[in-house]
């Protein structure tokens, strides 16, 4: 293979990475893939002596690097914000993200307000990035109806906070397990990563079950059933 052909392949690779980065929903992934694309393009431009393109991509490398340092170096503040049954913002939020919820998480999701249903937004630096909804039916199991994070923040930081002692969501000593219905392949893999195990519920249906004793210490947590208190913490 000639040198010109190799250079051309490097250029195509850089183009592919840049295009791929623009399709990323996650800001972090967009920055990482975009940085890789700019580096490859800079290499390609240097090889063909296209110095204006070299300068342009060096600037892009600097921009991506700057924002990556901000994303990876800063510690976001997470807050649990519980909402009441008739919250209009909750309805607007679900309506806005319903297609993404069904495509990426739970294809059969349908929200119905119920008095014994726990509803909380997970705020990341005061931005509502996640929504957690579960049912409390008097048993030892909290039944998840929705565990959702908006596309731009799917770096697992919200999830790690949700299932950590800092969130103070799972505090009621009478609740020992959390159960979630299966969803898409990605959602099921996420549940396993968070500590859930595939199981069968009392009705014989496939489900995913988490034993709260396997989570970090629950000392000082508030009850999931208490709808009047908030929780705030820095990420680990």
C-alpha atoms as a PDB file:
ATOM      1  CA  UNK A   1       0.000   0.000   0.000  1.00  0.00           C
ATOM      2  CA  UNK A   2       1.351   3.416  -0.977  1.00  0.00           C
ATOM      3  CA  UNK A   3       1.970   6.230   1.488  1.00  0.00           C
ATOM      4  CA  UNK A   4      -0.771   8.282  -0.171  1.00  0.00           C
ATOM      5  CA  UNK A   5      -3.290   5.491   0.436  1.00  0.00           C
ATOM      6  CA  UNK A   6      -2.276   5.255   4.109  1.00  0.00           C
ATOM      7  CA  UNK A   7      -2.655   9.008   4.505  1.00  0.00           C
ATOM      8  CA  UNK A   8      -6.101   8.818   2.923  1.00  0.00           C
ATOM      9  CA  UNK A   9      -7.178   6.083   5.343  1.00  0.00           C
ATOM     10  CA  UNK A  10      -6.013   8.222   8.274  1.00  0.00           C
ATOM     11  CA  UNK A  11      -8.105  11.088   6.919  1.00  0.00           C
ATOM     12  CA  UNK A  12     -11.169   8.855   6.622  1.00  0.00           C
ATOM     13  CA  UNK A  13     -10.646   7.630  10.186  1.00  0.00           C
ATOM     14  CA  UNK A  14     -10.486  11.195  11.470  1.00  0.00           C
ATOM     15  CA  UNK A  15     -13.653  12.085   9.563  1.00  0.00           C
ATOM     16  CA  UNK A  16     -15.453   9.029  10.942  1.00  0.00           C
ATOM     17  CA  UNK A  17     -14.515   9.898  14.521  1.00  0.00           C
ATOM     18  CA  UNK A  18     -15.670  13.510  14.150  1.00  0.00           C
ATOM     19  CA  UNK A  19     -19.002  12.424  12.649  1.00  0.00           C
ATOM     20  CA  UNK A  20     -19.428   9.768  15.344  1.00  0.00           C
ATOM     21  CA  UNK A  21     -18.787  12.322  18.090  1.00  0.00           C
ATOM     22  CA  UNK A  22     -21.593  14.534  16.782  1.00  0.00           C
ATOM     23  CA  UNK A  23     -24.030  11.628  17.157  1.00  0.00           C
ATOM     24  CA  UNK A  24     -23.161  11.056  20.843  1.00  0.00           C
ATOM     25  CA  UNK A  25     -25.887  11.896  23.356  1.00  0.00           C
ATOM     26  CA  UNK A  26     -23.461  11.849  26.265  1.00  0.00           C
ATOM     27  CA  UNK A  27     -21.458  15.063  26.591  1.00  0.00           C
ATOM     28  CA  UNK A  28     -18.479  13.158  28.009  1.00  0.00           C
ATOM     29  CA  UNK A  29     -18.390  10.680  25.117  1.00  0.00           C
ATOM     30  CA  UNK A  30     -18.821  13.504  22.606  1.00  0.00           C
ATOM     31  CA  UNK A  31     -15.758  15.257  24.022  1.00  0.00           C
ATOM     32  CA  UNK A  32     -13.607  12.101  24.154  1.00  0.00           C
ATOM     33  CA  UNK A  33     -14.455  10.894  20.641  1.00  0.00           C
ATOM     34  CA  UNK A  34     -14.275  14.438  19.264  1.00  0.00           C
ATOM     35  CA  UNK A  35     -10.815  14.851  20.789  1.00  0.00           C
ATOM     36  CA  UNK A  36      -9.655  11.583  19.220  1.00  0.00           C
ATOM     37  CA  UNK A  37     -11.038  12.679  15.850  1.00  0.00           C
ATOM     38  CA  UNK A  38      -9.273  16.044  16.038  1.00  0.00           C
ATOM     39  CA  UNK A  39      -5.945  14.382  16.934  1.00  0.00           C
ATOM     40  CA  UNK A  40      -6.234  11.967  14.002  1.00  0.00           C
ATOM     41  CA  UNK A  41      -7.221  14.777  11.646  1.00  0.00           C
ATOM     42  CA  UNK A  42      -4.287  16.856  12.873  1.00  0.00           C
ATOM     43  CA  UNK A  43      -1.978  13.929  12.101  1.00  0.00           C
ATOM     44  CA  UNK A  44      -3.502  13.546   8.638  1.00  0.00           C
ATOM     45  CA  UNK A  45      -3.160  17.262   7.885  1.00  0.00           C
ATOM     46  CA  UNK A  46       0.478  17.231   9.006  1.00  0.00           C
ATOM     47  CA  UNK A  47       1.255  14.277   6.735  1.00  0.00           C
ATOM     48  CA  UNK A  48      -0.190  16.046   3.692  1.00  0.00           C
ATOM     49  CA  UNK A  49       1.254  19.437   4.720  1.00  0.00           C
ATOM     50  CA  UNK A  50      -2.194  21.062   5.037  1.00  0.00           C
ATOM     51  CA  UNK A  51      -1.154  23.462   7.766  1.00  0.00           C
ATOM     52  CA  UNK A  52      -4.383  25.508   7.986  1.00  0.00           C
ATOM     53  CA  UNK A  53      -6.160  22.232   8.822  1.00  0.00           C
ATOM     54  CA  UNK A  54      -3.445  21.438  11.373  1.00  0.00           C
ATOM     55  CA  UNK A  55      -4.014  24.768  13.106  1.00  0.00           C
ATOM     56  CA  UNK A  56      -7.805  24.338  13.067  1.00  0.00           C
ATOM     57  CA  UNK A  57      -7.624  20.890  14.632  1.00  0.00           C
ATOM     58  CA  UNK A  58      -5.066  21.963  17.220  1.00  0.00           C
ATOM     59  CA  UNK A  59      -7.585  24.579  18.344  1.00  0.00           C
ATOM     60  CA  UNK A  60     -10.305  21.894  18.452  1.00  0.00           C
ATOM     61  CA  UNK A  61      -7.999  19.637  20.500  1.00  0.00           C
ATOM     62  CA  UNK A  62      -7.494  22.483  22.953  1.00  0.00           C
ATOM     63  CA  UNK A  63     -11.235  23.141  23.246  1.00  0.00           C
ATOM     64  CA  UNK A  64     -12.085  19.471  23.830  1.00  0.00           C
ATOM     65  CA  UNK A  65      -9.232  19.119  26.339  1.00  0.00           C
ATOM     66  CA  UNK A  66     -10.381  22.178  28.285  1.00  0.00           C
ATOM     67  CA  UNK A  67     -13.951  20.952  28.654  1.00  0.00           C
ATOM     68  CA  UNK A  68     -12.841  17.387  29.403  1.00  0.00           C
ATOM     69  CA  UNK A  69     -10.765  18.685  32.312  1.00  0.00           C
ATOM     70  CA  UNK A  70     -13.850  20.483  33.584  1.00  0.00           C
ATOM     71  CA  UNK A  71     -16.045  17.400  33.205  1.00  0.00           C
ATOM     72  CA  UNK A  72     -13.590  14.972  34.798  1.00  0.00           C
ATOM     73  CA  UNK A  73     -11.970  17.270  37.345  1.00  0.00           C
ATOM     74  CA  UNK A  74     -15.000  18.863  38.982  1.00  0.00           C
ATOM     75  CA  UNK A  75     -17.168  17.132  41.590  1.00  0.00           C
ATOM     76  CA  UNK A  76     -20.855  17.630  40.835  1.00  0.00           C
ATOM     77  CA  UNK A  77     -23.308  18.192  43.676  1.00  0.00           C
ATOM     78  CA  UNK A  78     -26.265  15.799  43.703  1.00  0.00           C
ATOM     79  CA  UNK A  79     -29.592  16.479  45.390  1.00  0.00           C
ATOM     80  CA  UNK A  80     -32.696  14.331  45.811  1.00  0.00           C
ATOM     81  CA  UNK A  81     -35.825  16.396  45.181  1.00  0.00           C
ATOM     82  CA  UNK A  82     -39.053  14.582  45.991  1.00  0.00           C
ATOM     83  CA  UNK A  83     -42.223  15.717  44.232  1.00  0.00           C
ATOM     84  CA  UNK A  84     -45.877  15.290  45.062  1.00  0.00           C
ATOM     85  CA  UNK A  85     -48.408  13.196  43.200  1.00  0.00           C
ATOM     86  CA  UNK A  86     -49.893  16.045  41.157  1.00  0.00           C
ATOM     87  CA  UNK A  87     -46.634  17.735  40.141  1.00  0.00           C
ATOM     88  CA  UNK A  88     -47.086  19.429  36.774  1.00  0.00           C
ATOM     89  CA  UNK A  89     -43.345  19.528  36.201  1.00  0.00           C
ATOM     90  CA  UNK A  90     -43.195  15.756  36.691  1.00  0.00           C
ATOM     91  CA  UNK A  91     -45.863  15.333  34.015  1.00  0.00           C
ATOM     92  CA  UNK A  92     -44.041  17.696  31.639  1.00  0.00           C
ATOM     93  CA  UNK A  93     -40.743  15.897  32.235  1.00  0.00           C
ATOM     94  CA  UNK A  94     -42.209  12.466  31.495  1.00  0.00           C
ATOM     95  CA  UNK A  95     -44.088  13.723  28.427  1.00  0.00           C
ATOM     96  CA  UNK A  96     -40.901  15.295  27.081  1.00  0.00           C
ATOM     97  CA  UNK A  97     -38.739  12.192  27.549  1.00  0.00           C
ATOM     98  CA  UNK A  98     -41.358   9.457  27.057  1.00  0.00           C
ATOM     99  CA  UNK A  99     -40.012   8.330  23.665  1.00  0.00           C
ATOM    100  CA  UNK A 100     -36.467   8.034  25.026  1.00  0.00           C
ATOM    101  CA  UNK A 101     -37.719   6.234  28.144  1.00  0.00           C
ATOM    102  CA  UNK A 102     -39.488   3.616  26.043  1.00  0.00           C
ATOM    103  CA  UNK A 103     -36.697   3.276  23.496  1.00  0.00           C
ATOM    104  CA  UNK A 104     -33.723   3.103  25.856  1.00  0.00           C
ATOM    105  CA  UNK A 105     -35.151   1.923  29.200  1.00  0.00           C
ATOM    106  CA  UNK A 106     -38.652   0.482  29.575  1.00  0.00           C
ATOM    107  CA  UNK A 107     -40.644  -0.103  26.357  1.00  0.00           C
ATOM    108  CA  UNK A 108     -43.910  -0.631  28.271  1.00  0.00           C
ATOM    109  CA  UNK A 109     -43.564   2.316  30.660  1.00  0.00           C
ATOM    110  CA  UNK A 110     -46.744   4.216  31.460  1.00  0.00           C
ATOM    111  CA  UNK A 111     -46.995   6.591  34.397  1.00  0.00           C
ATOM    112  CA  UNK A 112     -50.065   6.641  36.629  1.00  0.00           C
ATOM    113  CA  UNK A 113     -50.173   8.890  39.728  1.00  0.00           C
ATOM    114  CA  UNK A 114     -50.743   6.894  42.924  1.00  0.00           C
ATOM    115  CA  UNK A 115     -50.701   8.080  46.558  1.00  0.00           C
ATOM    116  CA  UNK A 116     -48.268   5.350  47.701  1.00  0.00           C
ATOM    117  CA  UNK A 117     -45.850   6.025  44.838  1.00  0.00           C
ATOM    118  CA  UNK A 118     -42.455   7.581  45.620  1.00  0.00           C
ATOM    119  CA  UNK A 119     -41.274  10.143  43.061  1.00  0.00           C
ATOM    120  CA  UNK A 120     -37.936  11.975  43.156  1.00  0.00           C
ATOM    121  CA  UNK A 121     -35.771  13.915  40.746  1.00  0.00           C
ATOM    122  CA  UNK A 122     -32.015  13.546  41.020  1.00  0.00           C
ATOM    123  CA  UNK A 123     -30.508  17.002  40.536  1.00  0.00           C
ATOM    124  CA  UNK A 124     -26.926  17.302  39.330  1.00  0.00           C
ATOM    125  CA  UNK A 125     -25.655  20.807  40.029  1.00  0.00           C
ATOM    126  CA  UNK A 126     -29.329  21.792  40.249  1.00  0.00           C
ATOM    127  CA  UNK A 127     -30.124  20.324  36.815  1.00  0.00           C
ATOM    128  CA  UNK A 128     -32.865  17.625  36.882  1.00  0.00           C
ATOM    129  CA  UNK A 129     -30.875  14.809  35.295  1.00  0.00           C
ATOM    130  CA  UNK A 130     -32.624  11.729  36.681  1.00  0.00           C
ATOM    131  CA  UNK A 131     -36.071  10.567  37.740  1.00  0.00           C
ATOM    132  CA  UNK A 132     -36.669   7.702  40.165  1.00  0.00           C
ATOM    133  CA  UNK A 133     -40.171   6.324  40.780  1.00  0.00           C
ATOM    134  CA  UNK A 134     -41.057   3.310  42.912  1.00  0.00           C
ATOM    135  CA  UNK A 135     -44.107   1.778  44.585  1.00  0.00           C
ATOM    136  CA  UNK A 136     -44.385   0.968  48.282  1.00  0.00           C
ATOM    137  CA  UNK A 137     -47.045  -1.661  48.862  1.00  0.00           C
ATOM    138  CA  UNK A 138     -46.382  -2.515  52.510  1.00  0.00           C
ATOM    139  CA  UNK A 139     -44.039  -5.413  51.736  1.00  0.00           C
ATOM    140  CA  UNK A 140     -40.278  -5.575  52.211  1.00  0.00           C
ATOM    141  CA  UNK A 141     -39.728  -4.665  48.554  1.00  0.00           C
ATOM    142  CA  UNK A 142     -39.718  -1.264  46.838  1.00  0.00           C
ATOM    143  CA  UNK A 143     -40.881  -1.832  43.262  1.00  0.00           C
ATOM    144  CA  UNK A 144     -39.179   0.403  40.721  1.00  0.00           C
ATOM    145  CA  UNK A 145     -41.452   1.927  38.107  1.00  0.00           C
ATOM    146  CA  UNK A 146     -38.772   4.104  36.528  1.00  0.00           C
ATOM    147  CA  UNK A 147     -35.035   4.672  36.983  1.00  0.00           C
ATOM    148  CA  UNK A 148     -34.209   7.176  34.255  1.00  0.00           C
ATOM    149  CA  UNK A 149     -31.359   9.530  33.394  1.00  0.00           C
ATOM    150  CA  UNK A 150     -31.522  12.064  30.562  1.00  0.00           C
ATOM    151  CA  UNK A 151     -29.228  11.390  27.569  1.00  0.00           C
ATOM    152  CA  UNK A 152     -26.544  14.014  28.221  1.00  0.00           C
ATOM    153  CA  UNK A 153     -25.740  12.679  31.714  1.00  0.00           C
ATOM    154  CA  UNK A 154     -25.466   8.918  31.252  1.00  0.00           C
ATOM    155  CA  UNK A 155     -21.994   8.564  32.707  1.00  0.00           C
ATOM    156  CA  UNK A 156     -23.254   6.509  35.700  1.00  0.00           C
ATOM    157  CA  UNK A 157     -22.525   9.305  38.195  1.00  0.00           C
ATOM    158  CA  UNK A 158     -26.249   9.831  38.807  1.00  0.00           C
ATOM    159  CA  UNK A 159     -26.777   6.089  39.241  1.00  0.00           C
ATOM    160  CA  UNK A 160     -23.852   5.704  41.630  1.00  0.00           C
ATOM    161  CA  UNK A 161     -25.265   8.517  43.743  1.00  0.00           C
ATOM    162  CA  UNK A 162     -28.781   7.058  43.652  1.00  0.00           C
ATOM    163  CA  UNK A 163     -27.613   3.684  44.961  1.00  0.00           C
ATOM    164  CA  UNK A 164     -25.141   5.074  47.481  1.00  0.00           C
ATOM    165  CA  UNK A 165     -25.603   5.990  51.129  1.00  0.00           C
ATOM    166  CA  UNK A 166     -25.375   9.668  50.175  1.00  0.00           C
ATOM    167  CA  UNK A 167     -28.724   9.668  48.369  1.00  0.00           C
ATOM    168  CA  UNK A 168     -30.557   8.611  51.556  1.00  0.00           C
ATOM    169  CA  UNK A 169     -33.365   7.144  49.463  1.00  0.00           C
ATOM    170  CA  UNK A 170     -33.423   3.564  50.775  1.00  0.00           C
ATOM    171  CA  UNK A 171     -33.541   4.076  54.530  1.00  0.00           C
ATOM    172  CA  UNK A 172     -36.715   2.420  55.791  1.00  0.00           C
ATOM    173  CA  UNK A 173     -35.502  -0.666  57.721  1.00  0.00           C
ATOM    174  CA  UNK A 174     -38.659  -2.558  56.732  1.00  0.00           C
ATOM    175  CA  UNK A 175     -37.635  -2.345  53.072  1.00  0.00           C
ATOM    176  CA  UNK A 176     -34.889  -4.863  52.378  1.00  0.00           C
ATOM    177  CA  UNK A 177     -35.077  -5.268  48.598  1.00  0.00           C
ATOM    178  CA  UNK A 178     -35.619  -3.227  45.452  1.00  0.00           C
ATOM    179  CA  UNK A 179     -37.223  -4.847  42.433  1.00  0.00           C
ATOM    180  CA  UNK A 180     -37.245  -3.607  38.840  1.00  0.00           C
ATOM    181  CA  UNK A 181     -38.999  -4.954  35.762  1.00  0.00           C
ATOM    182  CA  UNK A 182     -36.784  -5.959  32.841  1.00  0.00           C
ATOM    183  CA  UNK A 183     -36.454  -3.500  29.991  1.00  0.00           C
ATOM    184  CA  UNK A 184     -34.172  -3.038  27.029  1.00  0.00           C
ATOM    185  CA  UNK A 185     -30.860  -4.874  26.792  1.00  0.00           C
ATOM    186  CA  UNK A 186     -28.977  -1.734  27.828  1.00  0.00           C
ATOM    187  CA  UNK A 187     -31.266  -1.182  30.806  1.00  0.00           C
ATOM    188  CA  UNK A 188     -30.928  -4.787  31.977  1.00  0.00           C
ATOM    189  CA  UNK A 189     -27.136  -4.516  31.753  1.00  0.00           C
ATOM    190  CA  UNK A 190     -27.306  -1.304  33.777  1.00  0.00           C
ATOM    191  CA  UNK A 191     -29.347  -3.040  36.498  1.00  0.00           C
ATOM    192  CA  UNK A 192     -26.787  -5.837  36.761  1.00  0.00           C
ATOM    193  CA  UNK A 193     -24.002  -3.276  36.983  1.00  0.00           C
ATOM    194  CA  UNK A 194     -25.817  -1.587  39.873  1.00  0.00           C
ATOM    195  CA  UNK A 195     -26.032  -4.882  41.786  1.00  0.00           C
ATOM    196  CA  UNK A 196     -29.380  -6.309  40.688  1.00  0.00           C
ATOM    197  CA  UNK A 197     -29.740 -10.010  40.008  1.00  0.00           C
ATOM    198  CA  UNK A 198     -32.115 -11.627  37.557  1.00  0.00           C
ATOM    199  CA  UNK A 199     -34.933 -13.401  39.391  1.00  0.00           C
ATOM    200  CA  UNK A 200     -38.558 -14.499  39.256  1.00  0.00           C
ATOM    201  CA  UNK A 201     -41.206 -12.630  41.241  1.00  0.00           C
ATOM    202  CA  UNK A 202     -44.212 -14.058  43.083  1.00  0.00           C
ATOM    203  CA  UNK A 203     -46.296 -13.916  39.915  1.00  0.00           C
ATOM    204  CA  UNK A 204     -43.717 -15.984  38.040  1.00  0.00           C
ATOM    205  CA  UNK A 205     -42.536 -13.103  35.855  1.00  0.00           C
ATOM    206  CA  UNK A 206     -38.893 -12.285  35.173  1.00  0.00           C
ATOM    207  CA  UNK A 207     -37.614  -9.399  37.259  1.00  0.00           C
ATOM    208  CA  UNK A 208     -34.395  -7.894  38.593  1.00  0.00           C
ATOM    209  CA  UNK A 209     -33.883  -7.811  42.343  1.00  0.00           C
ATOM    210  CA  UNK A 210     -31.442  -5.874  44.528  1.00  0.00           C
ATOM    211  CA  UNK A 211     -30.707  -6.705  48.165  1.00  0.00           C
ATOM    212  CA  UNK A 212     -30.210  -3.438  50.036  1.00  0.00           C
ATOM    213  CA  UNK A 213     -27.811  -5.072  52.484  1.00  0.00           C
ATOM    214  CA  UNK A 214     -25.366  -5.307  49.564  1.00  0.00           C
ATOM    215  CA  UNK A 215     -25.299  -1.512  49.224  1.00  0.00           C
ATOM    216  CA  UNK A 216     -22.918   0.732  51.226  1.00  0.00           C
ATOM    217  CA  UNK A 217     -23.831   1.462  54.862  1.00  0.00           C
ATOM    218  CA  UNK A 218     -27.344   2.828  55.308  1.00  0.00           C
ATOM    219  CA  UNK A 219     -26.655   4.567  58.603  1.00  0.00           C
ATOM    220  CA  UNK A 220     -28.217   7.987  58.784  1.00  0.00           C
ATOM    221  CA  UNK A 221     -30.418   7.536  55.767  1.00  0.00           C
ATOM    222  CA  UNK A 222     -33.949   8.877  55.687  1.00  0.00           C
ATOM    223  CA  UNK A 223     -36.903   6.715  54.781  1.00  0.00           C
ATOM    224  CA  UNK A 224     -37.962   6.269  51.179  1.00  0.00           C
ATOM    225  CA  UNK A 225     -41.500   6.699  52.456  1.00  0.00           C
ATOM    226  CA  UNK A 226     -40.890  10.201  53.848  1.00  0.00           C
ATOM    227  CA  UNK A 227     -41.952  12.656  51.092  1.00  0.00           C
ATOM    228  CA  UNK A 228     -41.006  15.849  52.947  1.00  0.00           C
ATOM    229  CA  UNK A 229     -37.232  15.773  53.267  1.00  0.00           C
ATOM    230  CA  UNK A 230     -34.422  16.273  50.787  1.00  0.00           C
ATOM    231  CA  UNK A 231     -30.930  14.915  50.457  1.00  0.00           C
ATOM    232  CA  UNK A 232     -27.797  16.604  49.177  1.00  0.00           C
ATOM    233  CA  UNK A 233     -24.273  15.324  48.700  1.00  0.00           C
ATOM    234  CA  UNK A 234     -21.124  15.568  46.648  1.00  0.00           C
ATOM    235  CA  UNK A 235     -20.315  12.720  44.312  1.00  0.00           C
ATOM    236  CA  UNK A 236     -17.657  10.273  45.344  1.00  0.00           C
END
